[in-house]
Amino acid sequence: MRTTWPERWPSSKRNLPKNVAIIGAGPLGRWLALTAARAGFRVLLEDVMPVNLHHARHALRAELGAETVPNVTFASTIEDAVREADLVIDCVPDELESKLEIFWLLDRMAPPRTVLATPTTRLSIADLAACTYRADKCIAIAEEASALASDAGGTVLLRTTARTAPETAALLKEFWERLGFKTIFEAERS
C-alpha cells in the first residue's frame, strides 16, 4: 500500500540531517553528492577505488565551474565518511552480497543515531536491516538509480518495514523534499 505520508508519522524539521555520507562515487553517488551539496547539506563522498574519487572530484568541479566543491569532502575510507554522518546512502551495486557487506560495515562504523538508506528495487530492506543492530534506522530508496537523476524534482518512493522508526521516515522525507522531490512511502510486504 502506498501513501504520501503516514498519519502516524509526524513531520518535523528537526529531523533534517546535516551530514550526509554517500558511499560510492559512480554516477548516482556523484549526482547525489552534487544535489545534496547544492541543497546545503555537508556531504562526505567515499569510494573504495581512488580513481573513482578522482573522477568524481573533477566531474563535480566541472559541473560547478569551480576549483573547489563547496560542502563536499572526499573520503578515502568508509570510516572517515560515516564518522559524523546523520544519514548514509550507499550507492554500491544492487546485489545481495554487496548490500549485505556494506550494511554490515556501516552498522559497525557509523554512530548509533545514523540512518542507513539504500537504493534498491530488487532486495528486501527488512533482510538488509536484519544484519544490523539498527533495523529501525534502515530504509530503501525503491527507485532505479538512473530514474532518480533523470527525474529531479519528481517523486521518490521510500520502502519501509514494520520496524522502521517514525524518525527514520521523517528524516528521509525531509532530506528528499529539500532536494526537490515529493516522497511516497510503501510498506514492504513480508
Protein backbone atom coordinates (compact mmCIF):
# COMPACT_ATOMS: atom_id res chain seq x y z
CA MET A 1 0.00 0.00 0.00
CA ARG A 2 1.40 3.39 -0.98
CA THR A 3 0.79 6.60 0.87
CA THR A 4 2.17 10.11 0.66
CA TRP A 5 2.85 10.36 4.40
CA PRO A 6 1.60 8.03 7.11
CA GLU A 7 -0.52 9.98 9.58
CA ARG A 8 1.17 8.15 12.46
CA TRP A 9 4.50 9.70 11.42
CA PRO A 10 4.54 13.39 12.30
CA SER A 11 6.75 15.61 10.15
CA SER A 12 9.42 17.56 11.98
CA LYS A 13 12.05 19.89 10.58
CA ARG A 14 14.32 18.92 13.47
CA ASN A 15 14.82 15.60 11.69
CA LEU A 16 16.72 17.22 8.84
CA PRO A 17 20.18 15.66 8.53
CA LYS A 18 23.21 17.93 8.47
CA ASN A 19 25.94 15.46 7.46
CA VAL A 20 25.25 13.06 4.61
CA ALA A 21 27.72 10.33 3.70
CA ILE A 22 27.46 8.84 0.23
CA ILE A 23 29.23 5.55 -0.31
CA GLY A 24 30.14 5.05 -3.95
CA ALA A 25 31.31 7.79 -6.32
CA GLY A 26 29.81 6.41 -9.50
CA PRO A 27 27.17 8.33 -11.49
CA LEU A 28 24.46 8.07 -8.79
CA GLY A 29 26.87 8.92 -5.97
CA ARG A 30 28.20 11.96 -7.84
CA TRP A 31 24.71 13.17 -8.67
CA LEU A 32 23.55 12.73 -5.06
CA ALA A 33 26.67 14.49 -3.73
CA LEU A 34 26.17 17.46 -6.04
CA THR A 35 22.42 17.70 -5.44
CA ALA A 36 22.75 17.39 -1.66
CA ALA A 37 25.61 19.91 -1.53
CA ARG A 38 23.57 22.40 -3.55
CA ALA A 39 20.69 21.88 -1.08
CA GLY A 40 23.01 22.90 1.76
CA PHE A 41 23.99 19.55 3.23
CA ARG A 42 27.56 18.76 4.26
CA VAL A 43 28.43 15.77 2.05
CA LEU A 44 31.16 13.19 2.51
CA LEU A 45 31.68 11.19 -0.68
CA GLU A 46 33.59 7.88 -0.40
CA ASP A 47 34.62 5.22 -2.84
CA VAL A 48 36.85 2.19 -2.36
CA MET A 49 38.56 2.99 -5.67
CA PRO A 50 40.75 6.12 -5.52
CA VAL A 51 40.35 6.64 -9.27
CA ASN A 52 36.57 6.93 -8.81
CA LEU A 53 37.06 9.69 -6.23
CA HIS A 54 39.48 11.43 -8.57
CA HIS A 55 36.92 11.32 -11.41
CA ALA A 56 34.17 12.46 -9.04
CA ARG A 57 36.22 15.45 -7.87
CA HIS A 58 36.87 16.53 -11.46
CA ALA A 59 33.27 15.92 -12.57
CA LEU A 60 31.86 17.95 -9.68
CA ARG A 61 34.33 20.79 -10.28
CA ALA A 62 33.39 20.85 -13.97
CA GLU A 63 29.68 20.85 -13.12
CA LEU A 64 30.12 23.77 -10.73
CA GLY A 65 32.71 25.57 -12.82
CA ALA A 66 34.87 26.00 -9.73
CA GLU A 67 38.22 24.88 -8.34
CA THR A 68 36.64 23.63 -5.14
CA VAL A 69 33.43 21.74 -4.47
CA PRO A 70 31.61 23.57 -1.66
CA ASN A 71 30.05 21.35 1.01
CA VAL A 72 31.67 18.16 -0.37
CA THR A 73 34.55 16.35 1.28
CA PHE A 74 36.15 13.36 -0.41
CA ALA A 75 36.86 10.48 1.97
CA SER A 76 39.15 7.56 1.23
CA THR A 77 37.63 5.20 3.83
CA ILE A 78 34.12 4.32 4.90
CA GLU A 79 35.08 5.03 8.49
CA ASP A 80 36.12 8.60 7.63
CA ALA A 81 32.96 9.16 5.61
CA VAL A 82 30.46 7.99 8.23
CA ARG A 83 32.15 9.20 11.42
CA GLU A 84 29.81 12.22 11.78
CA ALA A 85 27.01 11.18 9.42
CA ASP A 86 23.35 11.63 10.26
CA LEU A 87 22.39 9.84 7.04
CA VAL A 88 24.34 7.35 4.92
CA ILE A 89 23.24 6.47 1.40
CA ASP A 90 25.10 3.58 -0.16
CA CYS A 91 25.44 3.59 -3.92
CA VAL A 92 27.01 0.16 -4.31
CA PRO A 93 25.68 -2.32 -6.91
CA ASP A 94 22.17 -3.64 -6.23
CA GLU A 95 23.41 -7.15 -5.45
CA LEU A 96 22.69 -9.02 -2.25
CA GLU A 97 26.31 -9.72 -1.27
CA SER A 98 27.42 -6.13 -1.89
CA LYS A 99 24.49 -4.65 0.03
CA LEU A 100 24.86 -7.06 2.97
CA GLU A 101 28.57 -6.31 3.24
CA ILE A 102 28.09 -2.55 3.12
CA PHE A 103 25.24 -2.60 5.65
CA TRP A 104 27.36 -4.73 7.99
CA LEU A 105 30.28 -2.27 7.69
CA LEU A 106 28.13 0.84 8.02
CA ASP A 107 26.37 -0.54 11.09
CA ARG A 108 29.71 -1.03 12.84
CA MET A 109 31.35 2.24 11.79
CA ALA A 110 28.57 4.84 11.89
CA PRO A 111 27.30 6.43 15.10
CA PRO A 112 24.18 4.76 16.56
CA ARG A 113 21.98 7.72 15.51
CA THR A 114 22.88 7.34 11.83
CA VAL A 115 20.16 6.31 9.37
CA LEU A 116 21.13 3.87 6.60
CA ALA A 117 19.41 4.23 3.22
CA THR A 118 19.98 2.21 0.10
CA PRO A 119 18.69 2.44 -3.46
CA THR A 120 17.29 -0.99 -4.32
CA THR A 121 14.46 -2.23 -6.47
CA ARG A 122 15.08 -5.96 -6.02
CA LEU A 123 16.24 -6.55 -2.46
CA SER A 124 14.29 -6.64 0.78
CA ILE A 125 15.09 -3.78 3.14
CA ALA A 126 13.87 -5.97 6.02
CA ASP A 127 16.51 -8.58 5.12
CA LEU A 128 19.25 -5.95 4.85
CA ALA A 129 18.19 -4.29 8.10
CA ALA A 130 18.22 -7.65 9.88
CA CYS A 131 22.02 -7.79 9.54
CA THR A 132 22.34 -4.59 11.61
CA TYR A 133 21.74 -3.51 15.18
CA ARG A 134 19.63 -0.63 13.87
CA ALA A 135 16.77 -2.20 11.91
CA ASP A 136 14.59 0.78 12.90
CA LYS A 137 17.03 3.12 11.12
CA CYS A 138 17.12 1.35 7.74
CA ILE A 139 15.06 2.36 4.71
CA ALA A 140 15.07 1.61 1.00
CA ILE A 141 15.01 4.11 -1.81
CA ALA A 142 12.90 2.00 -4.16
CA GLU A 143 13.95 3.67 -7.38
CA GLU A 144 16.26 2.80 -10.22
CA ALA A 145 19.46 4.80 -9.94
CA SER A 146 19.08 6.27 -13.41
CA ALA A 147 15.48 7.28 -12.69
CA LEU A 148 16.47 9.36 -9.67
CA ALA A 149 18.92 11.56 -11.53
CA SER A 150 16.72 11.95 -14.60
CA ASP A 151 13.56 12.69 -12.59
CA ALA A 152 14.96 15.50 -10.44
CA GLY A 153 12.04 17.31 -8.90
CA GLY A 154 9.78 14.30 -9.34
CA THR A 155 8.71 11.69 -6.85
CA VAL A 156 10.82 9.24 -4.88
CA LEU A 157 9.43 6.01 -3.45
CA LEU A 158 10.71 5.04 0.00
CA ARG A 159 10.16 1.48 1.22
CA THR A 160 9.76 0.88 4.94
CA THR A 161 9.33 -2.16 7.18
CA ALA A 162 7.21 -2.75 10.25
CA ARG A 163 10.29 -1.85 12.31
CA THR A 164 11.07 1.47 10.59
CA ALA A 165 11.04 4.23 13.21
CA PRO A 166 8.92 7.30 12.54
CA GLU A 167 12.06 9.44 12.98
CA THR A 168 13.81 7.48 10.24
CA ALA A 169 10.97 8.04 7.80
CA ALA A 170 10.75 11.72 8.75
CA LEU A 171 14.49 12.23 8.20
CA LEU A 172 14.34 10.70 4.70
CA LYS A 173 11.18 12.65 3.87
CA GLU A 174 12.82 15.94 4.85
CA PHE A 175 16.05 15.06 3.00
CA TRP A 176 14.33 14.25 -0.31
CA GLU A 177 11.96 17.21 -0.07
CA ARG A 178 14.94 19.52 0.43
CA LEU A 179 16.37 18.03 -2.77
CA GLY A 180 13.12 18.97 -4.52
CA PHE A 181 11.38 15.58 -4.59
CA LYS A 182 7.95 14.54 -3.37
CA THR A 183 8.01 11.38 -1.25
CA ILE A 184 5.76 8.36 -1.32
CA PHE A 185 6.07 5.61 1.27
CA GLU A 186 5.39 1.94 0.67
CA ALA A 187 5.35 -0.71 3.37
CA GLU A 188 7.40 -3.74 2.36
CA ARG A 189 5.41 -6.94 2.35
CA SER A 190 6.96 -9.82 4.24
